[in-house]
Amino acid sequence: MPENVKSLVLNLLADSPLVSEEVIADVRHLVAVGEEELAFRTLCSWLYEDALPISAHYHGRLSRAAADLGERRSMEKLDELVHP
C-alpha cells in the first residue's frame, strides 16, 4: 500500500476516541506490517464494540477511508455512534 494509505489509517487512529493502549498498539502494528485494511477493520470494530461516540465529521472521514480501502462493511452500524 502507498504511504498515504498508511498515513490515512494512522491519522484516523490518532483522531479516534479509542483509549485502550492495547488496541491502539494493535492497529499501529498492523499498519507497520502492511495490513492497512485489517488495521482499519480493527479500528472500526473497536469503535463499535466500545460504543464510542464519534462526530459526523469523523464518520465522514471513516466513510471515505472505507471506500478507498474497499472496506465498506467495516462501516456497518457506525452511524449509530454519531453524536452532534
PDB file of N, CA and C in Angstrom:
ATOM      1  N   MET A   1       0.852  -1.193   0.000  1.00  0.00           N
ATOM      2  CA  MET A   1       0.000   0.000   0.000  1.00  0.00           C
ATOM      3  C   MET A   1       0.887   1.243   0.000  1.00  0.00           C
ATOM      4  N   PRO A   2       0.412   2.259  -0.653  1.00  0.00           N
ATOM      5  CA  PRO A   2       1.176   3.510  -0.648  1.00  0.00           C
ATOM      6  C   PRO A   2       1.259   4.113   0.754  1.00  0.00           C
ATOM      7  N   GLU A   3       2.276   4.888   0.948  1.00  0.00           N
ATOM      8  CA  GLU A   3       2.495   5.537   2.244  1.00  0.00           C
ATOM      9  C   GLU A   3       1.297   6.369   2.673  1.00  0.00           C
ATOM     10  N   ASN A   4       0.585   6.978   1.718  1.00  0.00           N
ATOM     11  CA  ASN A   4      -0.560   7.814   2.086  1.00  0.00           C
ATOM     12  C   ASN A   4      -1.687   6.990   2.698  1.00  0.00           C
ATOM     13  N   VAL A   5      -1.805   5.708   2.337  1.00  0.00           N
ATOM     14  CA  VAL A   5      -2.819   4.854   2.950  1.00  0.00           C
ATOM     15  C   VAL A   5      -2.431   4.553   4.389  1.00  0.00           C
ATOM     16  N   LYS A   6      -1.154   4.319   4.608  1.00  0.00           N
ATOM     17  CA  LYS A   6      -0.665   4.120   5.979  1.00  0.00           C
ATOM     18  C   LYS A   6      -0.971   5.356   6.822  1.00  0.00           C
ATOM     19  N   SER A   7      -0.672   6.523   6.269  1.00  0.00           N
ATOM     20  CA  SER A   7      -0.925   7.782   6.976  1.00  0.00           C
ATOM     21  C   SER A   7      -2.410   7.977   7.234  1.00  0.00           C
ATOM     22  N   LEU A   8      -3.224   7.630   6.258  1.00  0.00           N
ATOM     23  CA  LEU A   8      -4.670   7.767   6.398  1.00  0.00           C
ATOM     24  C   LEU A   8      -5.169   6.983   7.612  1.00  0.00           C
ATOM     25  N   VAL A   9      -4.780   5.719   7.697  1.00  0.00           N
ATOM     26  CA  VAL A   9      -5.236   4.882   8.811  1.00  0.00           C
ATOM     27  C   VAL A   9      -4.656   5.384  10.131  1.00  0.00           C
ATOM     28  N   LEU A  10      -3.384   5.743  10.140  1.00  0.00           N
ATOM     29  CA  LEU A  10      -2.773   6.234  11.384  1.00  0.00           C
ATOM     30  C   LEU A  10      -3.385   7.558  11.835  1.00  0.00           C
ATOM     31  N   ASN A  11      -3.739   8.428  10.897  1.00  0.00           N
ATOM     32  CA  ASN A  11      -4.392   9.694  11.254  1.00  0.00           C
ATOM     33  C   ASN A  11      -5.784   9.449  11.830  1.00  0.00           C
ATOM     34  N   LEU A  12      -6.516   8.501  11.236  1.00  0.00           N
ATOM     35  CA  LEU A  12      -7.831   8.158  11.783  1.00  0.00           C
ATOM     36  C   LEU A  12      -7.681   7.590  13.196  1.00  0.00           C
ATOM     37  N   LEU A  13      -6.668   6.778  13.387  1.00  0.00           N
ATOM     38  CA  LEU A  13      -6.411   6.224  14.727  1.00  0.00           C
ATOM     39  C   LEU A  13      -6.093   7.343  15.718  1.00  0.00           C
ATOM     40  N   ALA A  14      -5.222   8.256  15.318  1.00  0.00           N
ATOM     41  CA  ALA A  14      -4.823   9.355  16.202  1.00  0.00           C
ATOM     42  C   ALA A  14      -6.005  10.230  16.599  1.00  0.00           C
ATOM     43  N   ASP A  15      -6.957  10.399  15.687  1.00  0.00           N
ATOM     44  CA  ASP A  15      -8.112  11.246  15.950  1.00  0.00           C
ATOM     45  C   ASP A  15      -9.299  10.488  16.537  1.00  0.00           C
ATOM     46  N   SER A  16      -9.126   9.192  16.723  1.00  0.00           N
ATOM     47  CA  SER A  16     -10.234   8.375  17.226  1.00  0.00           C
ATOM     48  C   SER A  16     -10.394   8.531  18.737  1.00  0.00           C
ATOM     49  N   PRO A  17     -11.562   8.155  19.238  1.00  0.00           N
ATOM     50  CA  PRO A  17     -11.772   8.209  20.690  1.00  0.00           C
ATOM     51  C   PRO A  17     -11.260   6.960  21.417  1.00  0.00           C
ATOM     52  N   LEU A  18     -10.554   6.080  20.707  1.00  0.00           N
ATOM     53  CA  LEU A  18     -10.023   4.880  21.352  1.00  0.00           C
ATOM     54  C   LEU A  18      -9.036   5.254  22.456  1.00  0.00           C
ATOM     55  N   VAL A  19      -9.123   4.556  23.573  1.00  0.00           N
ATOM     56  CA  VAL A  19      -8.210   4.826  24.680  1.00  0.00           C
ATOM     57  C   VAL A  19      -7.408   3.597  25.091  1.00  0.00           C
ATOM     58  N   SER A  20      -7.815   2.425  24.649  1.00  0.00           N
ATOM     59  CA  SER A  20      -7.107   1.197  25.004  1.00  0.00           C
ATOM     60  C   SER A  20      -5.743   1.175  24.324  1.00  0.00           C
ATOM     61  N   GLU A  21      -4.704   1.222  25.140  1.00  0.00           N
ATOM     62  CA  GLU A  21      -3.347   1.208  24.585  1.00  0.00           C
ATOM     63  C   GLU A  21      -3.086  -0.084  23.808  1.00  0.00           C
ATOM     64  N   GLU A  22      -3.691  -1.167  24.232  1.00  0.00           N
ATOM     65  CA  GLU A  22      -3.515  -2.448  23.547  1.00  0.00           C
ATOM     66  C   GLU A  22      -4.116  -2.396  22.141  1.00  0.00           C
ATOM     67  N   VAL A  23      -5.306  -1.860  22.027  1.00  0.00           N
ATOM     68  CA  VAL A  23      -5.959  -1.743  20.717  1.00  0.00           C
ATOM     69  C   VAL A  23      -5.180  -0.785  19.820  1.00  0.00           C
ATOM     70  N   ILE A  24      -4.778   0.335  20.368  1.00  0.00           N
ATOM     71  CA  ILE A  24      -4.007   1.317  19.606  1.00  0.00           C
ATOM     72  C   ILE A  24      -2.713   0.692  19.093  1.00  0.00           C
ATOM     73  N   ALA A  25      -2.037  -0.051  19.960  1.00  0.00           N
ATOM     74  CA  ALA A  25      -0.795  -0.728  19.569  1.00  0.00           C
ATOM     75  C   ALA A  25      -1.060  -1.764  18.481  1.00  0.00           C
ATOM     76  N   ASP A  26      -2.173  -2.490  18.584  1.00  0.00           N
ATOM     77  CA  ASP A  26      -2.516  -3.494  17.571  1.00  0.00           C
ATOM     78  C   ASP A  26      -2.726  -2.845  16.211  1.00  0.00           C
ATOM     79  N   VAL A  27      -3.462  -1.740  16.187  1.00  0.00           N
ATOM     80  CA  VAL A  27      -3.720  -1.053  14.916  1.00  0.00           C
ATOM     81  C   VAL A  27      -2.405  -0.533  14.332  1.00  0.00           C
ATOM     82  N   ARG A  28      -1.579   0.058  15.155  1.00  0.00           N
ATOM     83  CA  ARG A  28      -0.278   0.561  14.671  1.00  0.00           C
ATOM     84  C   ARG A  28       0.577  -0.574  14.117  1.00  0.00           C
ATOM     85  N   HIS A  29       0.582  -1.703  14.820  1.00  0.00           N
ATOM     86  CA  HIS A  29       1.361  -2.859  14.366  1.00  0.00           C
ATOM     87  C   HIS A  29       0.867  -3.352  13.006  1.00  0.00           C
ATOM     88  N   LEU A  30      -0.437  -3.453  12.844  1.00  0.00           N
ATOM     89  CA  LEU A  30      -0.995  -3.910  11.575  1.00  0.00           C
ATOM     90  C   LEU A  30      -0.605  -2.983  10.427  1.00  0.00           C
ATOM     91  N   VAL A  31      -0.618  -1.685  10.678  1.00  0.00           N
ATOM     92  CA  VAL A  31      -0.194  -0.727   9.650  1.00  0.00           C
ATOM     93  C   VAL A  31       1.290  -0.929   9.348  1.00  0.00           C
ATOM     94  N   ALA A  32       2.095  -1.107  10.383  1.00  0.00           N
ATOM     95  CA  ALA A  32       3.543  -1.258  10.206  1.00  0.00           C
ATOM     96  C   ALA A  32       3.902  -2.479   9.360  1.00  0.00           C
ATOM     97  N   VAL A  33       3.096  -3.526   9.453  1.00  0.00           N
ATOM     98  CA  VAL A  33       3.389  -4.745   8.686  1.00  0.00           C
ATOM     99  C   VAL A  33       2.621  -4.794   7.356  1.00  0.00           C
ATOM    100  N   GLY A  34       2.008  -3.670   6.970  1.00  0.00           N
ATOM    101  CA  GLY A  34       1.364  -3.586   5.667  1.00  0.00           C
ATOM    102  C   GLY A  34      -0.055  -4.112   5.603  1.00  0.00           C
ATOM    103  N   GLU A  35      -0.698  -4.243   6.737  1.00  0.00           N
ATOM    104  CA  GLU A  35      -2.078  -4.751   6.796  1.00  0.00           C
ATOM    105  C   GLU A  35      -3.047  -3.598   7.075  1.00  0.00           C
ATOM    106  N   GLU A  36      -3.050  -2.603   6.188  1.00  0.00           N
ATOM    107  CA  GLU A  36      -3.868  -1.412   6.417  1.00  0.00           C
ATOM    108  C   GLU A  36      -5.354  -1.721   6.472  1.00  0.00           C
ATOM    109  N   GLU A  37      -5.815  -2.627   5.604  1.00  0.00           N
ATOM    110  CA  GLU A  37      -7.243  -2.960   5.610  1.00  0.00           C
ATOM    111  C   GLU A  37      -7.648  -3.586   6.937  1.00  0.00           C
ATOM    112  N   LEU A  38      -6.838  -4.523   7.413  1.00  0.00           N
ATOM    113  CA  LEU A  38      -7.128  -5.164   8.697  1.00  0.00           C
ATOM    114  C   LEU A  38      -7.028  -4.150   9.835  1.00  0.00           C
ATOM    115  N   ALA A  39      -6.081  -3.241   9.752  1.00  0.00           N
ATOM    116  CA  ALA A  39      -5.949  -2.191  10.773  1.00  0.00           C
ATOM    117  C   ALA A  39      -7.213  -1.338  10.798  1.00  0.00           C
ATOM    118  N   PHE A  40      -7.722  -0.995   9.616  1.00  0.00           N
ATOM    119  CA  PHE A  40      -8.938  -0.187   9.527  1.00  0.00           C
ATOM    120  C   PHE A  40     -10.130  -0.957  10.098  1.00  0.00           C
ATOM    121  N   ARG A  41     -10.249  -2.231   9.734  1.00  0.00           N
ATOM    122  CA  ARG A  41     -11.342  -3.059  10.270  1.00  0.00           C
ATOM    123  C   ARG A  41     -11.261  -3.140  11.787  1.00  0.00           C
ATOM    124  N   THR A  42     -10.055  -3.289  12.304  1.00  0.00           N
ATOM    125  CA  THR A  42      -9.858  -3.369  13.750  1.00  0.00           C
ATOM    126  C   THR A  42     -10.279  -2.073  14.423  1.00  0.00           C
ATOM    127  N   LEU A  43      -9.870  -0.953  13.854  1.00  0.00           N
ATOM    128  CA  LEU A  43     -10.251   0.357  14.377  1.00  0.00           C
ATOM    129  C   LEU A  43     -11.771   0.494  14.424  1.00  0.00           C
ATOM    130  N   CYS A  44     -12.425   0.202  13.314  1.00  0.00           N
ATOM    131  CA  CYS A  44     -13.884   0.334  13.257  1.00  0.00           C
ATOM    132  C   CYS A  44     -14.570  -0.624  14.218  1.00  0.00           C
ATOM    133  N   SER A  45     -14.053  -1.831  14.283  1.00  0.00           N
ATOM    134  CA  SER A  45     -14.637  -2.841  15.159  1.00  0.00           C
ATOM    135  C   SER A  45     -14.607  -2.402  16.620  1.00  0.00           C
ATOM    136  N   TRP A  46     -13.485  -1.852  17.044  1.00  0.00           N
ATOM    137  CA  TRP A  46     -13.374  -1.416  18.440  1.00  0.00           C
ATOM    138  C   TRP A  46     -14.190  -0.165  18.729  1.00  0.00           C
ATOM    139  N   LEU A  47     -14.307   0.707  17.751  1.00  0.00           N
ATOM    140  CA  LEU A  47     -15.184   1.867  17.939  1.00  0.00           C
ATOM    141  C   LEU A  47     -16.593   1.387  18.249  1.00  0.00           C
ATOM    142  N   TYR A  48     -17.055   0.419  17.462  1.00  0.00           N
ATOM    143  CA  TYR A  48     -18.411  -0.100  17.650  1.00  0.00           C
ATOM    144  C   TYR A  48     -18.513  -0.917  18.926  1.00  0.00           C
ATOM    145  N   GLU A  49     -17.546  -1.803  19.150  1.00  0.00           N
ATOM    146  CA  GLU A  49     -17.564  -2.684  20.328  1.00  0.00           C
ATOM    147  C   GLU A  49     -17.628  -1.874  21.628  1.00  0.00           C
ATOM    148  N   ASP A  50     -16.873  -0.794  21.678  1.00  0.00           N
ATOM    149  CA  ASP A  50     -16.842   0.044  22.883  1.00  0.00           C
ATOM    150  C   ASP A  50     -17.894   1.145  22.863  1.00  0.00           C
ATOM    151  N   ALA A  51     -18.716   1.179  21.807  1.00  0.00           N
ATOM    152  CA  ALA A  51     -19.788   2.169  21.658  1.00  0.00           C
ATOM    153  C   ALA A  51     -19.263   3.588  21.899  1.00  0.00           C
ATOM    154  N   LEU A  52     -18.155   3.906  21.239  1.00  0.00           N
ATOM    155  CA  LEU A  52     -17.527   5.212  21.423  1.00  0.00           C
ATOM    156  C   LEU A  52     -18.186   6.247  20.521  1.00  0.00           C
ATOM    157  N   PRO A  53     -18.589   7.380  21.089  1.00  0.00           N
ATOM    158  CA  PRO A  53     -19.224   8.414  20.274  1.00  0.00           C
ATOM    159  C   PRO A  53     -18.227   9.028  19.290  1.00  0.00           C
ATOM    160  N   ILE A  54     -18.709   9.263  18.076  1.00  0.00           N
ATOM    161  CA  ILE A  54     -17.875   9.907  17.058  1.00  0.00           C
ATOM    162  C   ILE A  54     -18.664  11.057  16.438  1.00  0.00           C
ATOM    163  N   SER A  55     -17.943  12.031  15.926  1.00  0.00           N
ATOM    164  CA  SER A  55     -18.595  13.174  15.281  1.00  0.00           C
ATOM    165  C   SER A  55     -19.000  12.807  13.854  1.00  0.00           C
ATOM    166  N   ALA A  56     -19.906  13.580  13.314  1.00  0.00           N
ATOM    167  CA  ALA A  56     -20.319  13.373  11.921  1.00  0.00           C
ATOM    168  C   ALA A  56     -19.123  13.569  10.985  1.00  0.00           C
ATOM    169  N   HIS A  57     -18.264  14.522  11.317  1.00  0.00           N
ATOM    170  CA  HIS A  57     -17.070  14.772  10.504  1.00  0.00           C
ATOM    171  C   HIS A  57     -16.155  13.548  10.506  1.00  0.00           C
ATOM    172  N   TYR A  58     -15.915  12.981  11.673  1.00  0.00           N
ATOM    173  CA  TYR A  58     -15.061  11.796  11.786  1.00  0.00           C
ATOM    174  C   TYR A  58     -15.703  10.609  11.051  1.00  0.00           C
ATOM    175  N   HIS A  59     -17.001  10.473  11.172  1.00  0.00           N
ATOM    176  CA  HIS A  59     -17.718   9.404  10.461  1.00  0.00           C
ATOM    177  C   HIS A  59     -17.515   9.561   8.956  1.00  0.00           C
ATOM    178  N   GLY A  60     -17.578  10.779   8.479  1.00  0.00           N
ATOM    179  CA  GLY A  60     -17.342  11.033   7.058  1.00  0.00           C
ATOM    180  C   GLY A  60     -15.937  10.635   6.630  1.00  0.00           C
ATOM    181  N   ARG A  61     -14.966  10.933   7.473  1.00  0.00           N
ATOM    182  CA  ARG A  61     -13.584  10.543   7.180  1.00  0.00           C
ATOM    183  C   ARG A  61     -13.456   9.024   7.139  1.00  0.00           C
ATOM    184  N   LEU A  62     -14.103   8.344   8.093  1.00  0.00           N
ATOM    185  CA  LEU A  62     -14.088   6.881   8.102  1.00  0.00           C
ATOM    186  C   LEU A  62     -14.732   6.340   6.821  1.00  0.00           C
ATOM    187  N   SER A  63     -15.837   6.957   6.411  1.00  0.00           N
ATOM    188  CA  SER A  63     -16.548   6.529   5.205  1.00  0.00           C
ATOM    189  C   SER A  63     -15.674   6.646   3.968  1.00  0.00           C
ATOM    190  N   ARG A  64     -14.992   7.761   3.835  1.00  0.00           N
ATOM    191  CA  ARG A  64     -14.103   7.956   2.687  1.00  0.00           C
ATOM    192  C   ARG A  64     -12.954   6.950   2.715  1.00  0.00           C
ATOM    193  N   ALA A  65     -12.406   6.706   3.887  1.00  0.00           N
ATOM    194  CA  ALA A  65     -11.321   5.720   4.012  1.00  0.00           C
ATOM    195  C   ALA A  65     -11.833   4.321   3.672  1.00  0.00           C
ATOM    196  N   ALA A  66     -13.037   4.002   4.126  1.00  0.00           N
ATOM    197  CA  ALA A  66     -13.622   2.688   3.831  1.00  0.00           C
ATOM    198  C   ALA A  66     -13.755   2.495   2.324  1.00  0.00           C
ATOM    199  N   ALA A  67     -14.179   3.534   1.633  1.00  0.00           N
ATOM    200  CA  ALA A  67     -14.306   3.456   0.176  1.00  0.00           C
ATOM    201  C   ALA A  67     -12.936   3.269  -0.474  1.00  0.00           C
ATOM    202  N   ASP A  68     -11.943   4.021  -0.018  1.00  0.00           N
ATOM    203  CA  ASP A  68     -10.590   3.922  -0.575  1.00  0.00           C
ATOM    204  C   ASP A  68      -9.977   2.545  -0.341  1.00  0.00           C
ATOM    205  N   LEU A  69     -10.272   1.957   0.811  1.00  0.00           N
ATOM    206  CA  LEU A  69      -9.679   0.666   1.187  1.00  0.00           C
ATOM    207  C   LEU A  69     -10.528  -0.536   0.749  1.00  0.00           C
ATOM    208  N   GLY A  70     -11.710  -0.260   0.205  1.00  0.00           N
ATOM    209  CA  GLY A  70     -12.591  -1.356  -0.153  1.00  0.00           C
ATOM    210  C   GLY A  70     -13.138  -2.073   1.076  1.00  0.00           C
ATOM    211  N   GLU A  71     -13.357  -1.312   2.123  1.00  0.00           N
ATOM    212  CA  GLU A  71     -13.784  -1.867   3.413  1.00  0.00           C
ATOM    213  C   GLU A  71     -15.128  -1.301   3.854  1.00  0.00           C
ATOM    214  N   ARG A  72     -16.059  -1.191   2.953  1.00  0.00           N
ATOM    215  CA  ARG A  72     -17.362  -0.594   3.297  1.00  0.00           C
ATOM    216  C   ARG A  72     -18.086  -1.364   4.401  1.00  0.00           C
ATOM    217  N   ARG A  73     -17.908  -2.684   4.462  1.00  0.00           N
ATOM    218  CA  ARG A  73     -18.573  -3.469   5.511  1.00  0.00           C
ATOM    219  C   ARG A  73     -18.110  -3.046   6.905  1.00  0.00           C
ATOM    220  N   SER A  74     -16.908  -2.534   7.008  1.00  0.00           N
ATOM    221  CA  SER A  74     -16.388  -2.098   8.305  1.00  0.00           C
ATOM    222  C   SER A  74     -17.199  -0.950   8.888  1.00  0.00           C
ATOM    223  N   MET A  75     -17.924  -0.248   8.007  1.00  0.00           N
ATOM    224  CA  MET A  75     -18.682   0.923   8.427  1.00  0.00           C
ATOM    225  C   MET A  75     -20.092   0.585   8.921  1.00  0.00           C
ATOM    226  N   GLU A  76     -20.501  -0.676   8.742  1.00  0.00           N
ATOM    227  CA  GLU A  76     -21.846  -1.058   9.149  1.00  0.00           C
ATOM    228  C   GLU A  76     -22.078  -0.708  10.611  1.00  0.00           C
ATOM    229  N   LYS A  77     -23.159  -0.037  10.862  1.00  0.00           N
ATOM    230  CA  LYS A  77     -23.632   0.331  12.194  1.00  0.00           C
ATOM    231  C   LYS A  77     -22.854   1.459  12.860  1.00  0.00           C
ATOM    232  N   LEU A  78     -21.766   1.935  12.252  1.00  0.00           N
ATOM    233  CA  LEU A  78     -21.028   3.026  12.893  1.00  0.00           C
ATOM    234  C   LEU A  78     -21.834   4.313  12.929  1.00  0.00           C
ATOM    235  N   ASP A  79     -22.834   4.440  12.058  1.00  0.00           N
ATOM    236  CA  ASP A  79     -23.673   5.638  12.094  1.00  0.00           C
ATOM    237  C   ASP A  79     -24.440   5.734  13.417  1.00  0.00           C
ATOM    238  N   GLU A  80     -24.598   4.604  14.099  1.00  0.00           N
ATOM    239  CA  GLU A  80     -25.261   4.609  15.418  1.00  0.00           C
ATOM    240  C   GLU A  80     -24.427   5.360  16.469  1.00  0.00           C
ATOM    241  N   LEU A  81     -23.147   5.541  16.200  1.00  0.00           N
ATOM    242  CA  LEU A  81     -22.243   6.175  17.166  1.00  0.00           C
ATOM    243  C   LEU A  81     -22.121   7.685  16.983  1.00  0.00           C
ATOM    244  N   VAL A  82     -22.696   8.204  15.891  1.00  0.00           N
ATOM    245  CA  VAL A  82     -22.537   9.629  15.583  1.00  0.00           C
ATOM    246  C   VAL A  82     -23.348  10.471  16.561  1.00  0.00           C
ATOM    247  N   HIS A  83     -22.637  11.403  17.189  1.00  0.00           N
ATOM    248  CA  HIS A  83     -23.251  12.357  18.114  1.00  0.00           C
ATOM    249  C   HIS A  83     -22.884  13.753  17.669  1.00  0.00           C
ATOM    250  N   PRO A  84     -23.797  14.686  17.848  1.00  0.00           N
ATOM    251  CA  PRO A  84     -23.516  16.061  17.403  1.00  0.00           C
ATOM    252  C   PRO A  84     -22.367  16.704  18.165  1.00  0.00           C
TER     253      PRO A  84
END
